[in-house]
Amino acid sequence: MPDADVLPPEAYTWWVPVLGLVLLLLVAAWYVFVHRWTDPARVARRRSRREAPGPMTPSMRQRYAAEVDQHFERYEREHDLRALHLELARTMREFASERIGTDVRAWTRGDIAGYDPTRRVGDLLSHWEEPSFAVRSDAEAAASAAHAKEVVAQW
């Protein structure tokens, strides 16, 4: 092969080493972020702040218990099981929001059940899903209202 056919090596353009350096910096920043976000001490502090709901006054508890009673009384007049469970779910979401200081009204039932302070409310919502959306249900209205009042009184 004659030397005239061999081409000399081409130099990289200026942006190739700059791109390599930027990518290395991004990888380093990602490692720093992951380390700081998953640091056990920081995770424990975040969890302790999140799991400590503030105190709830008896008047607030009475207000939510009275709302549950109103929903049940409306059910006894109208006999609409679906509406009862939808209203109970709305009330319990408001109760949980006020209890933990975070708006959980837009959270899914799974999100509420998975978040430790609101686990009991999430369990109630999972039991009420079927009567809230089914055409016919075998759910008991009195038991649903009693469970809601129990959570309001104890949590």
N, C-alpha and C. Protein backbone atom coordinates (compact mmCIF):
# COMPACT_ATOMS: atom_id res chain seq x y z
N MET A 1 0.85 -1.17 0.00
CA MET A 1 0.00 0.00 0.00
C MET A 1 0.91 1.24 0.00
N PRO A 2 0.75 2.07 -0.96
CA PRO A 2 1.61 3.25 -1.02
C PRO A 2 1.20 4.28 0.04
N ASP A 3 2.16 5.09 0.44
CA ASP A 3 1.93 6.11 1.46
C ASP A 3 0.99 7.22 0.98
N ALA A 4 0.81 7.39 -0.24
CA ALA A 4 -0.04 8.45 -0.77
C ALA A 4 -1.52 8.18 -0.52
N ASP A 5 -1.88 6.88 -0.36
CA ASP A 5 -3.29 6.54 -0.12
C ASP A 5 -3.70 6.69 1.34
N VAL A 6 -2.77 6.75 2.28
CA VAL A 6 -3.08 6.85 3.70
C VAL A 6 -3.34 8.30 4.06
N LEU A 7 -4.44 8.54 4.69
CA LEU A 7 -4.79 9.91 5.09
C LEU A 7 -4.29 10.17 6.49
N PRO A 8 -3.87 11.39 6.75
CA PRO A 8 -3.44 11.71 8.12
C PRO A 8 -4.66 11.75 9.05
N PRO A 9 -4.46 11.48 10.35
CA PRO A 9 -5.60 11.51 11.28
C PRO A 9 -6.19 12.92 11.38
N GLU A 10 -7.51 12.93 11.50
CA GLU A 10 -8.21 14.21 11.63
C GLU A 10 -8.28 14.59 13.11
N ALA A 11 -8.16 15.86 13.39
CA ALA A 11 -8.31 16.34 14.77
C ALA A 11 -9.80 16.49 15.08
N TYR A 12 -10.13 16.24 16.36
CA TYR A 12 -11.52 16.44 16.78
C TYR A 12 -11.86 17.93 16.69
N THR A 13 -13.12 18.19 16.46
CA THR A 13 -13.54 19.59 16.51
C THR A 13 -13.62 20.01 17.97
N TRP A 14 -13.77 21.27 18.24
CA TRP A 14 -13.70 21.79 19.59
C TRP A 14 -14.82 21.28 20.49
N TRP A 15 -15.98 20.94 19.93
CA TRP A 15 -17.13 20.60 20.77
C TRP A 15 -17.08 19.18 21.32
N VAL A 16 -16.28 18.30 20.75
CA VAL A 16 -16.23 16.92 21.23
C VAL A 16 -15.62 16.84 22.64
N PRO A 17 -14.46 17.44 22.90
CA PRO A 17 -13.96 17.38 24.29
C PRO A 17 -14.83 18.17 25.27
N VAL A 18 -15.44 19.26 24.80
CA VAL A 18 -16.34 20.03 25.67
C VAL A 18 -17.55 19.18 26.05
N LEU A 19 -18.12 18.48 25.09
CA LEU A 19 -19.26 17.60 25.36
C LEU A 19 -18.86 16.49 26.33
N GLY A 20 -17.70 15.91 26.14
CA GLY A 20 -17.21 14.87 27.06
C GLY A 20 -17.07 15.41 28.47
N LEU A 21 -16.52 16.60 28.62
CA LEU A 21 -16.36 17.20 29.95
C LEU A 21 -17.72 17.50 30.59
N VAL A 22 -18.65 18.02 29.81
CA VAL A 22 -20.00 18.31 30.33
C VAL A 22 -20.67 17.02 30.78
N LEU A 23 -20.55 15.96 30.02
CA LEU A 23 -21.16 14.68 30.41
C LEU A 23 -20.52 14.13 31.69
N LEU A 24 -19.22 14.25 31.83
CA LEU A 24 -18.56 13.81 33.06
C LEU A 24 -19.04 14.62 34.26
N LEU A 25 -19.21 15.93 34.07
CA LEU A 25 -19.72 16.76 35.16
C LEU A 25 -21.15 16.39 35.53
N LEU A 26 -21.96 16.06 34.53
CA LEU A 26 -23.34 15.65 34.81
C LEU A 26 -23.37 14.33 35.58
N VAL A 27 -22.52 13.40 35.23
CA VAL A 27 -22.46 12.13 35.96
C VAL A 27 -22.03 12.37 37.40
N ALA A 28 -21.03 13.23 37.60
CA ALA A 28 -20.57 13.54 38.95
C ALA A 28 -21.69 14.22 39.75
N ALA A 29 -22.40 15.14 39.12
CA ALA A 29 -23.51 15.82 39.82
C ALA A 29 -24.60 14.82 40.17
N TRP A 30 -24.87 13.87 39.29
CA TRP A 30 -25.88 12.84 39.57
C TRP A 30 -25.48 12.01 40.79
N TYR A 31 -24.22 11.61 40.87
CA TYR A 31 -23.77 10.84 42.02
C TYR A 31 -23.91 11.64 43.32
N VAL A 32 -23.56 12.91 43.28
CA VAL A 32 -23.70 13.75 44.47
C VAL A 32 -25.17 13.85 44.87
N PHE A 33 -26.04 14.08 43.90
CA PHE A 33 -27.48 14.19 44.18
C PHE A 33 -28.02 12.90 44.80
N VAL A 34 -27.70 11.77 44.20
CA VAL A 34 -28.21 10.49 44.71
C VAL A 34 -27.68 10.23 46.11
N HIS A 35 -26.41 10.51 46.33
CA HIS A 35 -25.85 10.29 47.67
C HIS A 35 -26.53 11.17 48.72
N ARG A 36 -26.73 12.43 48.39
CA ARG A 36 -27.38 13.33 49.36
C ARG A 36 -28.84 12.97 49.57
N TRP A 37 -29.55 12.59 48.52
CA TRP A 37 -30.97 12.29 48.63
C TRP A 37 -31.22 10.99 49.38
N THR A 38 -30.33 10.03 49.26
CA THR A 38 -30.53 8.73 49.89
C THR A 38 -29.69 8.55 51.15
N ASP A 39 -29.07 9.60 51.62
CA ASP A 39 -28.28 9.52 52.85
C ASP A 39 -29.21 9.10 53.99
N PRO A 40 -28.89 8.03 54.71
CA PRO A 40 -29.80 7.53 55.76
C PRO A 40 -30.16 8.57 56.81
N ALA A 41 -29.23 9.44 57.18
CA ALA A 41 -29.54 10.45 58.19
C ALA A 41 -30.58 11.45 57.65
N ARG A 42 -30.43 11.87 56.40
CA ARG A 42 -31.40 12.80 55.81
C ARG A 42 -32.75 12.14 55.63
N VAL A 43 -32.76 10.89 55.20
CA VAL A 43 -34.02 10.17 55.01
C VAL A 43 -34.73 10.04 56.35
N ALA A 44 -34.01 9.74 57.41
CA ALA A 44 -34.62 9.61 58.75
C ALA A 44 -35.20 10.95 59.20
N ARG A 45 -34.50 12.05 58.93
CA ARG A 45 -35.04 13.37 59.32
C ARG A 45 -36.30 13.69 58.55
N ARG A 46 -36.30 13.42 57.24
CA ARG A 46 -37.51 13.68 56.44
C ARG A 46 -38.66 12.82 56.92
N ARG A 47 -38.39 11.55 57.22
CA ARG A 47 -39.44 10.65 57.67
C ARG A 47 -39.99 11.08 59.02
N SER A 48 -39.13 11.53 59.93
CA SER A 48 -39.62 11.95 61.25
C SER A 48 -40.48 13.20 61.15
N ARG A 49 -40.13 14.10 60.23
CA ARG A 49 -40.97 15.30 60.04
C ARG A 49 -42.31 14.90 59.45
N ARG A 50 -42.29 13.94 58.53
CA ARG A 50 -43.50 13.56 57.82
C ARG A 50 -44.42 12.71 58.68
N GLU A 51 -43.89 11.90 59.57
CA GLU A 51 -44.70 10.97 60.34
C GLU A 51 -45.23 11.55 61.65
N ALA A 52 -44.99 12.79 61.89
CA ALA A 52 -45.43 13.37 63.15
C ALA A 52 -46.58 14.34 62.91
N PRO A 53 -47.81 13.83 62.80
CA PRO A 53 -48.93 14.74 62.61
C PRO A 53 -49.15 15.58 63.87
N GLY A 54 -49.58 16.79 63.66
CA GLY A 54 -49.80 17.68 64.79
C GLY A 54 -51.02 17.29 65.59
N PRO A 55 -51.15 17.87 66.76
CA PRO A 55 -52.31 17.55 67.59
C PRO A 55 -53.60 18.08 66.97
N MET A 56 -54.67 17.37 67.23
CA MET A 56 -55.96 17.78 66.70
C MET A 56 -56.89 18.05 67.89
N THR A 57 -57.51 19.19 67.87
CA THR A 57 -58.37 19.57 68.99
C THR A 57 -59.66 18.76 68.96
N PRO A 58 -60.28 18.57 70.12
CA PRO A 58 -61.55 17.84 70.16
C PRO A 58 -62.64 18.49 69.30
N SER A 59 -62.63 19.82 69.21
CA SER A 59 -63.67 20.48 68.39
C SER A 59 -63.51 20.13 66.91
N MET A 60 -62.26 19.97 66.45
CA MET A 60 -62.06 19.56 65.05
C MET A 60 -62.55 18.14 64.84
N ARG A 61 -62.26 17.27 65.79
CA ARG A 61 -62.73 15.89 65.68
C ARG A 61 -64.26 15.85 65.68
N GLN A 62 -64.87 16.66 66.55
CA GLN A 62 -66.34 16.70 66.62
C GLN A 62 -66.93 17.21 65.30
N ARG A 63 -66.25 18.18 64.69
CA ARG A 63 -66.74 18.72 63.42
C ARG A 63 -66.77 17.63 62.35
N TYR A 64 -65.70 16.85 62.25
CA TYR A 64 -65.66 15.79 61.24
C TYR A 64 -66.62 14.66 61.59
N ALA A 65 -66.76 14.34 62.87
CA ALA A 65 -67.73 13.31 63.27
C ALA A 65 -69.16 13.77 62.94
N ALA A 66 -69.42 15.06 63.13
CA ALA A 66 -70.74 15.60 62.79
C ALA A 66 -70.98 15.54 61.28
N GLU A 67 -69.94 15.79 60.49
CA GLU A 67 -70.08 15.67 59.03
C GLU A 67 -70.43 14.25 58.63
N VAL A 68 -69.77 13.27 59.26
CA VAL A 68 -70.06 11.87 58.97
C VAL A 68 -71.51 11.56 59.33
N ASP A 69 -71.97 12.06 60.48
CA ASP A 69 -73.37 11.86 60.88
C ASP A 69 -74.33 12.47 59.88
N GLN A 70 -74.00 13.67 59.39
CA GLN A 70 -74.85 14.33 58.39
C GLN A 70 -74.94 13.51 57.11
N HIS A 71 -73.82 12.95 56.68
CA HIS A 71 -73.83 12.13 55.48
C HIS A 71 -74.70 10.89 55.68
N PHE A 72 -74.60 10.28 56.87
CA PHE A 72 -75.40 9.08 57.14
C PHE A 72 -76.89 9.42 57.22
N GLU A 73 -77.22 10.56 57.83
CA GLU A 73 -78.63 10.97 57.90
C GLU A 73 -79.18 11.24 56.50
N ARG A 74 -78.37 11.85 55.64
CA ARG A 74 -78.81 12.08 54.27
C ARG A 74 -79.02 10.74 53.56
N TYR A 75 -78.15 9.77 53.83
CA TYR A 75 -78.32 8.44 53.24
C TYR A 75 -79.63 7.81 53.69
N GLU A 76 -79.97 7.96 54.98
CA GLU A 76 -81.21 7.36 55.48
C GLU A 76 -82.44 7.97 54.81
N ARG A 77 -82.34 9.25 54.42
CA ARG A 77 -83.46 9.89 53.72
C ARG A 77 -83.50 9.50 52.25
N GLU A 78 -82.34 9.47 51.59
CA GLU A 78 -82.29 9.30 50.14
C GLU A 78 -81.96 7.88 49.69
N HIS A 79 -81.38 7.07 50.55
CA HIS A 79 -81.00 5.69 50.24
C HIS A 79 -80.09 5.59 49.02
N ASP A 80 -79.11 6.48 48.96
CA ASP A 80 -78.13 6.47 47.87
C ASP A 80 -76.78 6.06 48.45
N LEU A 81 -76.48 4.77 48.37
CA LEU A 81 -75.26 4.21 48.96
C LEU A 81 -74.01 4.78 48.28
N ARG A 82 -74.09 4.95 46.99
CA ARG A 82 -72.94 5.49 46.25
C ARG A 82 -72.61 6.90 46.72
N ALA A 83 -73.62 7.75 46.82
CA ALA A 83 -73.40 9.14 47.26
C ALA A 83 -72.84 9.17 48.69
N LEU A 84 -73.34 8.28 49.54
CA LEU A 84 -72.83 8.23 50.92
C LEU A 84 -71.33 7.94 50.91
N HIS A 85 -70.91 6.94 50.18
CA HIS A 85 -69.50 6.57 50.20
C HIS A 85 -68.62 7.62 49.54
N LEU A 86 -69.12 8.27 48.51
CA LEU A 86 -68.35 9.37 47.91
C LEU A 86 -68.18 10.52 48.90
N GLU A 87 -69.25 10.86 49.61
CA GLU A 87 -69.16 11.95 50.59
C GLU A 87 -68.28 11.57 51.78
N LEU A 88 -68.38 10.32 52.23
CA LEU A 88 -67.50 9.87 53.33
C LEU A 88 -66.04 9.93 52.89
N ALA A 89 -65.75 9.52 51.66
CA ALA A 89 -64.38 9.56 51.16
C ALA A 89 -63.87 11.00 51.08
N ARG A 90 -64.72 11.92 50.62
CA ARG A 90 -64.32 13.33 50.56
C ARG A 90 -64.03 13.86 51.96
N THR A 91 -64.90 13.55 52.90
CA THR A 91 -64.72 14.02 54.27
C THR A 91 -63.44 13.45 54.89
N MET A 92 -63.18 12.18 54.67
CA MET A 92 -61.99 11.57 55.25
C MET A 92 -60.71 12.11 54.60
N ARG A 93 -60.77 12.45 53.33
CA ARG A 93 -59.61 13.07 52.68
C ARG A 93 -59.35 14.45 53.28
N GLU A 94 -60.42 15.20 53.51
CA GLU A 94 -60.26 16.51 54.15
C GLU A 94 -59.71 16.36 55.57
N PHE A 95 -60.22 15.37 56.30
CA PHE A 95 -59.74 15.11 57.65
C PHE A 95 -58.24 14.77 57.63
N ALA A 96 -57.83 13.89 56.74
CA ALA A 96 -56.42 13.51 56.64
C ALA A 96 -55.56 14.71 56.25
N SER A 97 -56.06 15.54 55.34
CA SER A 97 -55.31 16.73 54.93
C SER A 97 -55.08 17.65 56.11
N GLU A 98 -56.12 17.88 56.88
CA GLU A 98 -55.99 18.76 58.04
C GLU A 98 -55.13 18.12 59.12
N ARG A 99 -55.22 16.83 59.25
CA ARG A 99 -54.49 16.11 60.30
C ARG A 99 -52.99 16.13 60.08
N ILE A 100 -52.54 15.93 58.85
CA ILE A 100 -51.10 15.86 58.60
C ILE A 100 -50.52 17.14 58.01
N GLY A 101 -51.38 18.10 57.66
CA GLY A 101 -50.88 19.37 57.14
C GLY A 101 -50.46 19.32 55.69
N THR A 102 -50.89 18.30 54.95
CA THR A 102 -50.59 18.17 53.52
C THR A 102 -51.89 17.87 52.80
N ASP A 103 -52.11 18.54 51.68
CA ASP A 103 -53.35 18.34 50.94
C ASP A 103 -53.31 16.97 50.26
N VAL A 104 -54.16 16.05 50.71
CA VAL A 104 -54.20 14.70 50.14
C VAL A 104 -55.48 14.47 49.34
N ARG A 105 -56.24 15.51 49.08
CA ARG A 105 -57.51 15.33 48.36
C ARG A 105 -57.31 14.81 46.95
N ALA A 106 -56.21 15.13 46.32
CA ALA A 106 -55.97 14.69 44.95
C ALA A 106 -55.13 13.40 44.88
N TRP A 107 -54.71 12.88 46.02
CA TRP A 107 -53.92 11.65 46.03
C TRP A 107 -54.80 10.46 45.71
N THR A 108 -54.21 9.45 45.12
CA THR A 108 -54.95 8.22 44.87
C THR A 108 -55.10 7.46 46.18
N ARG A 109 -55.99 6.48 46.17
CA ARG A 109 -56.17 5.67 47.35
C ARG A 109 -54.88 4.94 47.71
N GLY A 110 -54.15 4.47 46.70
CA GLY A 110 -52.89 3.79 46.93
C GLY A 110 -51.84 4.70 47.54
N ASP A 111 -51.80 5.97 47.10
CA ASP A 111 -50.86 6.92 47.68
C ASP A 111 -51.17 7.16 49.15
N ILE A 112 -52.44 7.31 49.46
CA ILE A 112 -52.84 7.55 50.85
C ILE A 112 -52.54 6.34 51.71
N ALA A 113 -52.84 5.14 51.20
CA ALA A 113 -52.59 3.92 51.97
C ALA A 113 -51.09 3.67 52.14
N GLY A 114 -50.28 4.11 51.18
CA GLY A 114 -48.85 3.88 51.25
C GLY A 114 -48.11 4.88 52.12
N TYR A 115 -48.73 5.99 52.42
CA TYR A 115 -48.12 7.03 53.24
C TYR A 115 -48.45 6.73 54.69
N ASP A 116 -47.44 6.46 55.49
CA ASP A 116 -47.64 5.88 56.81
C ASP A 116 -48.65 6.61 57.70
N PRO A 117 -48.58 7.94 57.85
CA PRO A 117 -49.55 8.57 58.75
C PRO A 117 -51.00 8.44 58.31
N THR A 118 -51.24 8.25 57.03
CA THR A 118 -52.61 8.19 56.53
C THR A 118 -53.05 6.78 56.17
N ARG A 119 -52.34 5.79 56.64
CA ARG A 119 -52.63 4.40 56.27
C ARG A 119 -54.07 3.99 56.61
N ARG A 120 -54.57 4.40 57.78
CA ARG A 120 -55.93 4.01 58.18
C ARG A 120 -56.98 4.63 57.27
N VAL A 121 -56.77 5.86 56.86
CA VAL A 121 -57.70 6.49 55.93
C VAL A 121 -57.63 5.79 54.59
N GLY A 122 -56.44 5.42 54.15
CA GLY A 122 -56.29 4.69 52.90
C GLY A 122 -57.00 3.35 52.93
N ASP A 123 -56.96 2.67 54.08
CA ASP A 123 -57.68 1.40 54.21
C ASP A 123 -59.19 1.62 54.08
N LEU A 124 -59.68 2.67 54.71
CA LEU A 124 -61.11 2.98 54.57
C LEU A 124 -61.48 3.26 53.11
N LEU A 125 -60.66 4.07 52.45
CA LEU A 125 -60.96 4.41 51.07
C LEU A 125 -60.93 3.17 50.17
N SER A 126 -60.05 2.24 50.47
CA SER A 126 -60.02 1.02 49.64
C SER A 126 -61.29 0.19 49.84
N HIS A 127 -61.83 0.18 51.07
CA HIS A 127 -63.09 -0.53 51.31
C HIS A 127 -64.27 0.19 50.65
N TRP A 128 -64.17 1.49 50.53
CA TRP A 128 -65.27 2.27 49.98
C TRP A 128 -65.20 2.42 48.46
N GLU A 129 -64.14 1.95 47.83
CA GLU A 129 -64.04 2.09 46.37
C GLU A 129 -65.17 1.37 45.65
N GLU A 130 -65.41 0.14 46.03
CA GLU A 130 -66.43 -0.65 45.35
C GLU A 130 -67.82 -0.03 45.49
N PRO A 131 -68.27 0.34 46.70
CA PRO A 131 -69.60 0.96 46.76
C PRO A 131 -69.66 2.36 46.13
N SER A 132 -68.52 3.01 46.02
CA SER A 132 -68.52 4.35 45.41
C SER A 132 -68.71 4.30 43.91
N PHE A 133 -68.30 3.20 43.28
CA PHE A 133 -68.32 3.17 41.82
C PHE A 133 -69.13 2.04 41.23
N ALA A 134 -69.66 1.15 42.06
CA ALA A 134 -70.45 0.02 41.55
C ALA A 134 -71.90 0.43 41.36
N VAL A 135 -72.57 -0.23 40.43
CA VAL A 135 -74.00 0.03 40.23
C VAL A 135 -74.78 -0.51 41.42
N ARG A 136 -74.40 -1.72 41.85
CA ARG A 136 -75.01 -2.32 43.05
C ARG A 136 -73.90 -2.75 43.97
N SER A 137 -74.13 -2.65 45.26
CA SER A 137 -73.10 -3.00 46.23
C SER A 137 -73.74 -3.66 47.44
N ASP A 138 -72.95 -4.51 48.11
CA ASP A 138 -73.44 -5.13 49.34
C ASP A 138 -72.85 -4.44 50.57
N ALA A 139 -72.28 -3.26 50.40
CA ALA A 139 -71.69 -2.54 51.52
C ALA A 139 -72.77 -2.09 52.49
N GLU A 140 -72.38 -1.98 53.74
CA GLU A 140 -73.32 -1.54 54.78
C GLU A 140 -73.03 -0.08 55.13
N ALA A 141 -74.02 0.75 55.01
CA ALA A 141 -73.86 2.17 55.24
C ALA A 141 -73.52 2.47 56.70
N ALA A 142 -74.21 1.82 57.62
CA ALA A 142 -73.97 2.08 59.04
C ALA A 142 -72.55 1.70 59.44
N ALA A 143 -72.05 0.58 58.92
CA ALA A 143 -70.69 0.16 59.24
C ALA A 143 -69.67 1.13 58.66
N SER A 144 -69.92 1.62 57.46
CA SER A 144 -69.00 2.59 56.85
C SER A 144 -68.93 3.86 57.66
N ALA A 145 -70.07 4.37 58.07
CA ALA A 145 -70.10 5.59 58.88
C ALA A 145 -69.43 5.35 60.24
N ALA A 146 -69.67 4.19 60.83
CA ALA A 146 -69.06 3.88 62.14
C ALA A 146 -67.54 3.79 62.02
N HIS A 147 -67.05 3.18 60.95
CA HIS A 147 -65.59 3.10 60.77
C HIS A 147 -64.99 4.49 60.55
N ALA A 148 -65.68 5.33 59.82
CA ALA A 148 -65.18 6.69 59.60
C ALA A 148 -65.11 7.45 60.93
N LYS A 149 -66.15 7.33 61.74
CA LYS A 149 -66.15 8.02 63.04
C LYS A 149 -65.07 7.46 63.95
N GLU A 150 -64.81 6.17 63.85
CA GLU A 150 -63.76 5.54 64.66
C GLU A 150 -62.39 6.10 64.30
N VAL A 151 -62.12 6.24 63.02
CA VAL A 151 -60.83 6.81 62.60
C VAL A 151 -60.71 8.26 63.04
N VAL A 152 -61.79 9.02 62.91
CA VAL A 152 -61.77 10.43 63.34
C VAL A 152 -61.51 10.51 64.84
N ALA A 153 -62.10 9.63 65.61
CA ALA A 153 -61.94 9.69 67.07
C ALA A 153 -60.57 9.22 67.54
N GLN A 154 -60.01 8.22 66.86
CA GLN A 154 -58.78 7.62 67.37
C GLN A 154 -57.50 8.16 66.75
N TRP A 155 -57.55 8.65 65.53
CA TRP A 155 -56.30 9.07 64.88
C TRP A 155 -56.05 10.51 65.10
